[in-house]
């Protein structure tokens, strides 16, 4: 399925979140809440329910080389995208772990755009995430969501 994304970069948090919500709805999930990425709303990014099982999804995009903020348009970020992706991955893992502690009966999920940097970070934490019952879903450029 080829999707048109709201922003020029397919891997923004808003676009990854939209792909996740679309995939959940297509699977028959009832989407209960979706955080507003434009306002950087705090909390669980997507909450959905299927057959009485709730799931919380922490969504991350992949960092851009340039600022998205119109006030800084065209300016390059000082932090390399690969470095920033490491920070974002760590934030996603922490959020997913906190959800497991707060809502142990829920399924905890991290949704990431499919970039080699995230795949490398995941390979180093895969066993720990599995032991913590935290799933990772991958979103590719055409909006397909790889759900385990």
Protein backbone atom coordinates (compact mmCIF):
# COMPACT_ATOMS: atom_id res chain seq x y z
CA UNK A 1 0.00 0.00 0.00
CA UNK A 2 1.50 3.36 -1.00
CA UNK A 3 0.59 6.18 1.32
CA UNK A 4 0.78 9.92 0.99
CA UNK A 5 2.37 11.42 4.07
CA UNK A 6 1.38 14.71 5.65
CA UNK A 7 4.99 15.91 5.79
CA UNK A 8 7.74 15.68 3.22
CA UNK A 9 9.65 13.13 5.33
CA UNK A 10 7.87 9.80 5.74
CA UNK A 11 9.60 9.04 9.03
CA UNK A 12 8.25 11.86 11.20
CA UNK A 13 6.54 10.84 14.42
CA UNK A 14 3.19 12.06 13.08
CA UNK A 15 3.48 9.91 9.95
CA UNK A 16 4.64 6.83 11.86
CA UNK A 17 1.76 7.29 14.30
CA UNK A 18 -0.76 7.66 11.45
CA UNK A 19 0.50 4.40 9.89
CA UNK A 20 0.14 2.61 13.24
CA UNK A 21 -3.42 3.90 13.78
CA UNK A 22 -4.38 2.88 10.22
CA UNK A 23 -2.93 -0.62 10.73
CA UNK A 24 -4.69 -1.08 14.07
CA UNK A 25 -8.04 0.01 12.64
CA UNK A 26 -7.57 -2.34 9.68
CA UNK A 27 -7.05 -5.23 12.14
CA UNK A 28 -10.32 -4.41 13.88
CA UNK A 29 -8.84 -2.66 16.89
CA UNK A 30 -10.82 0.07 18.59
CA UNK A 31 -8.51 3.08 18.81
CA UNK A 32 -9.23 4.71 22.16
CA UNK A 33 -6.82 7.64 22.08
CA UNK A 34 -4.16 9.20 19.88
CA UNK A 35 -1.74 11.80 21.26
CA UNK A 36 -1.37 15.06 19.37
CA UNK A 37 2.21 15.02 18.07
CA UNK A 38 1.98 18.61 16.84
CA UNK A 39 1.58 19.89 20.42
CA UNK A 40 4.00 17.27 21.82
CA UNK A 41 1.20 15.93 24.01
CA UNK A 42 2.55 13.79 26.84
CA UNK A 43 1.43 10.29 27.68
CA UNK A 44 0.86 7.15 25.69
CA UNK A 45 0.95 7.92 21.97
CA UNK A 46 -1.72 5.41 20.92
CA UNK A 47 -4.11 3.38 23.08
CA UNK A 48 -6.21 0.71 21.41
CA UNK A 49 -8.28 -2.32 22.35
CA UNK A 50 -8.95 -5.63 20.63
CA UNK A 51 -11.07 -8.37 22.14
CA UNK A 52 -10.78 -6.87 25.62
CA UNK A 53 -6.99 -6.54 25.52
CA UNK A 54 -5.62 -3.00 25.69
CA UNK A 55 -2.38 -1.97 24.13
CA UNK A 56 -0.28 1.13 24.51
CA UNK A 57 2.05 2.20 21.73
CA UNK A 58 5.04 4.50 22.17
CA UNK A 59 5.79 6.01 18.75
CA UNK A 60 9.06 7.53 17.60
CA UNK A 61 10.05 9.04 14.29
CA UNK A 62 13.58 9.18 12.93
CA UNK A 63 15.53 12.41 13.40
CA UNK A 64 16.02 14.71 10.47
CA UNK A 65 19.29 16.44 9.64
CA UNK A 66 17.49 19.82 9.55
CA UNK A 67 15.09 21.52 11.95
CA UNK A 68 11.36 21.11 11.28
CA UNK A 69 10.51 24.26 13.27
CA UNK A 70 9.62 27.04 10.75
CA UNK A 71 11.65 29.52 12.83
CA UNK A 72 14.76 27.43 12.15
CA UNK A 73 13.85 26.23 8.64
CA UNK A 74 16.87 25.34 6.55
CA UNK A 75 19.24 25.20 9.52
CA UNK A 76 21.10 22.00 10.24
CA UNK A 77 20.89 20.39 13.69
CA UNK A 78 24.09 20.15 15.72
CA UNK A 79 23.31 16.59 16.86
CA UNK A 80 23.76 13.86 14.25
CA UNK A 81 20.54 11.94 13.47
CA UNK A 82 22.17 8.65 14.52
CA UNK A 83 23.04 10.06 17.95
CA UNK A 84 19.57 11.56 18.40
CA UNK A 85 17.99 8.25 17.34
CA UNK A 86 19.84 6.55 20.20
CA UNK A 87 18.30 9.01 22.66
CA UNK A 88 14.83 8.58 21.16
CA UNK A 89 15.14 4.78 21.27
CA UNK A 90 16.11 4.94 24.94
CA UNK A 91 13.14 7.21 25.67
CA UNK A 92 10.81 4.78 23.91
CA UNK A 93 12.14 1.81 25.90
CA UNK A 94 11.71 3.71 29.17
CA UNK A 95 8.15 4.72 28.27
CA UNK A 96 7.28 1.13 27.32
CA UNK A 97 8.74 -0.17 30.58
CA UNK A 98 6.80 2.38 32.61
CA UNK A 99 3.62 1.31 30.85
CA UNK A 100 4.34 -2.34 31.75
CA UNK A 101 4.67 -1.27 35.40
CA UNK A 102 1.56 0.91 35.40
CA UNK A 103 -0.68 -1.37 33.30
CA UNK A 104 0.76 -4.92 33.56
CA UNK A 105 -2.22 -6.49 31.77
CA UNK A 106 -1.76 -4.25 28.70
CA UNK A 107 0.38 -5.09 25.71
CA UNK A 108 3.27 -2.61 25.53
CA UNK A 109 4.56 -1.71 22.06
CA UNK A 110 7.25 0.52 20.58
CA UNK A 111 6.63 1.64 16.97
CA UNK A 112 9.64 2.79 14.95
CA UNK A 113 10.35 3.72 11.34
CA UNK A 114 12.50 1.00 9.78
CA UNK A 115 16.01 2.47 9.81
CA UNK A 116 19.22 0.48 10.26
CA UNK A 117 20.17 2.57 13.32
CA UNK A 118 16.98 1.53 15.12
CA UNK A 119 17.44 -2.09 13.98
CA UNK A 120 20.98 -2.06 15.45
CA UNK A 121 19.73 -0.63 18.75
CA UNK A 122 16.95 -3.20 18.83
CA UNK A 123 19.33 -6.10 18.19
CA UNK A 124 21.25 -5.14 21.33
CA UNK A 125 18.10 -5.02 23.47
CA UNK A 126 15.86 -7.62 21.82
CA UNK A 127 16.22 -10.24 24.56
CA UNK A 128 15.57 -7.76 27.35
CA UNK A 129 12.57 -6.29 25.56
CA UNK A 130 11.13 -9.76 24.96
CA UNK A 131 11.68 -10.69 28.63
CA UNK A 132 9.86 -7.47 29.57
CA UNK A 133 7.01 -8.35 27.18
CA UNK A 134 7.60 -5.26 25.07
CA UNK A 135 6.99 -5.65 21.34
CA UNK A 136 8.60 -3.58 18.61
CA UNK A 137 6.73 -2.80 15.40
CA UNK A 138 8.49 -1.55 12.27
CA UNK A 139 6.98 0.95 9.84
CA UNK A 140 8.44 1.18 6.35
CA UNK A 141 8.41 4.01 3.87
CA UNK A 142 5.18 2.94 2.18
CA UNK A 143 3.36 2.92 5.53
CA UNK A 144 3.30 -0.85 6.03
CA UNK A 145 3.44 -1.83 9.69
CA UNK A 146 5.23 -5.04 10.61
CA UNK A 147 3.28 -6.28 13.65
CA UNK A 148 4.56 -9.30 15.50
